Amino acid sequence: MHPDASARQFAERDLAAFLLNALQHEHPEWVQADGDCPSCRDYAAKLQTILPQQSPT
């Protein structure tokens, strides 16, 4: 695996975690009693699809 690809995978995981955390903080009413937040996951997934996609060079 290209070193940039590995760094990108870590960055994408960090971004996903950041988005989920931010959405849960902004919309606590979306968080279920067990801590799950389907709406947060859906929004985070949508946001990731609209962010620029770049291939490692």
Protein backbone atom coordinates (compact mmCIF):
# COMPACT_ATOMS: atom_id res chain seq x y z
CA MET A 1 0.00 0.00 0.00
CA HIS A 2 1.25 3.46 -0.88
CA PRO A 3 2.14 5.50 2.25
CA ASP A 4 -0.20 8.30 1.16
CA ALA A 5 -3.06 5.80 0.88
CA SER A 6 -2.50 4.67 4.47
CA ALA A 7 -2.45 8.28 5.70
CA ARG A 8 -5.60 8.97 3.73
CA GLN A 9 -7.39 6.01 5.32
CA PHE A 10 -6.49 7.30 8.78
CA ALA A 11 -7.65 10.80 7.82
CA GLU A 12 -10.95 9.47 6.50
CA ARG A 13 -11.56 7.53 9.72
CA ASP A 14 -10.70 10.63 11.77
CA LEU A 15 -13.05 12.72 9.64
CA ALA A 16 -15.88 10.21 10.04
CA ALA A 17 -15.41 10.16 13.82
CA PHE A 18 -15.27 13.97 13.92
CA LEU A 19 -18.46 14.29 11.87
CA LEU A 20 -20.34 11.78 14.04
CA ASN A 21 -19.21 13.50 17.22
CA ALA A 22 -20.13 16.96 15.92
CA LEU A 23 -23.57 15.83 14.77
CA GLN A 24 -24.27 14.11 18.10
CA HIS A 25 -23.23 17.28 19.92
CA GLU A 26 -25.35 19.55 17.70
CA HIS A 27 -28.38 17.24 17.69
CA PRO A 28 -28.61 15.37 21.00
CA GLU A 29 -32.28 14.68 20.22
CA TRP A 30 -31.13 12.34 17.44
CA VAL A 31 -29.15 10.16 19.85
CA GLN A 32 -31.05 7.10 21.04
CA ALA A 33 -31.04 5.92 24.66
CA ASP A 34 -28.41 3.29 23.85
CA GLY A 35 -26.09 5.95 22.37
CA ASP A 36 -26.73 4.94 18.77
CA CYS A 37 -27.44 7.72 16.29
CA PRO A 38 -28.67 6.47 12.90
CA SER A 39 -29.42 10.01 11.71
CA CYS A 40 -25.89 11.09 12.62
CA ARG A 41 -24.41 8.17 10.68
CA ASP A 42 -26.59 8.97 7.66
CA TYR A 43 -25.60 12.65 7.65
CA ALA A 44 -21.91 11.84 8.15
CA ALA A 45 -22.02 9.38 5.24
CA LYS A 46 -23.69 11.99 3.01
CA LEU A 47 -21.11 14.62 3.96
CA GLN A 48 -18.26 12.28 3.13
CA THR A 49 -19.69 11.63 -0.34
CA ILE A 50 -19.73 15.35 -1.19
CA LEU A 51 -16.17 16.01 -0.01
CA PRO A 52 -13.55 16.03 -2.76
CA GLN A 53 -12.27 12.57 -3.58
CA GLN A 54 -8.59 12.39 -4.51
CA SER A 55 -6.48 9.42 -5.52
CA PRO A 56 -3.04 9.04 -3.97
CA THR A 57 -0.28 9.90 -6.44
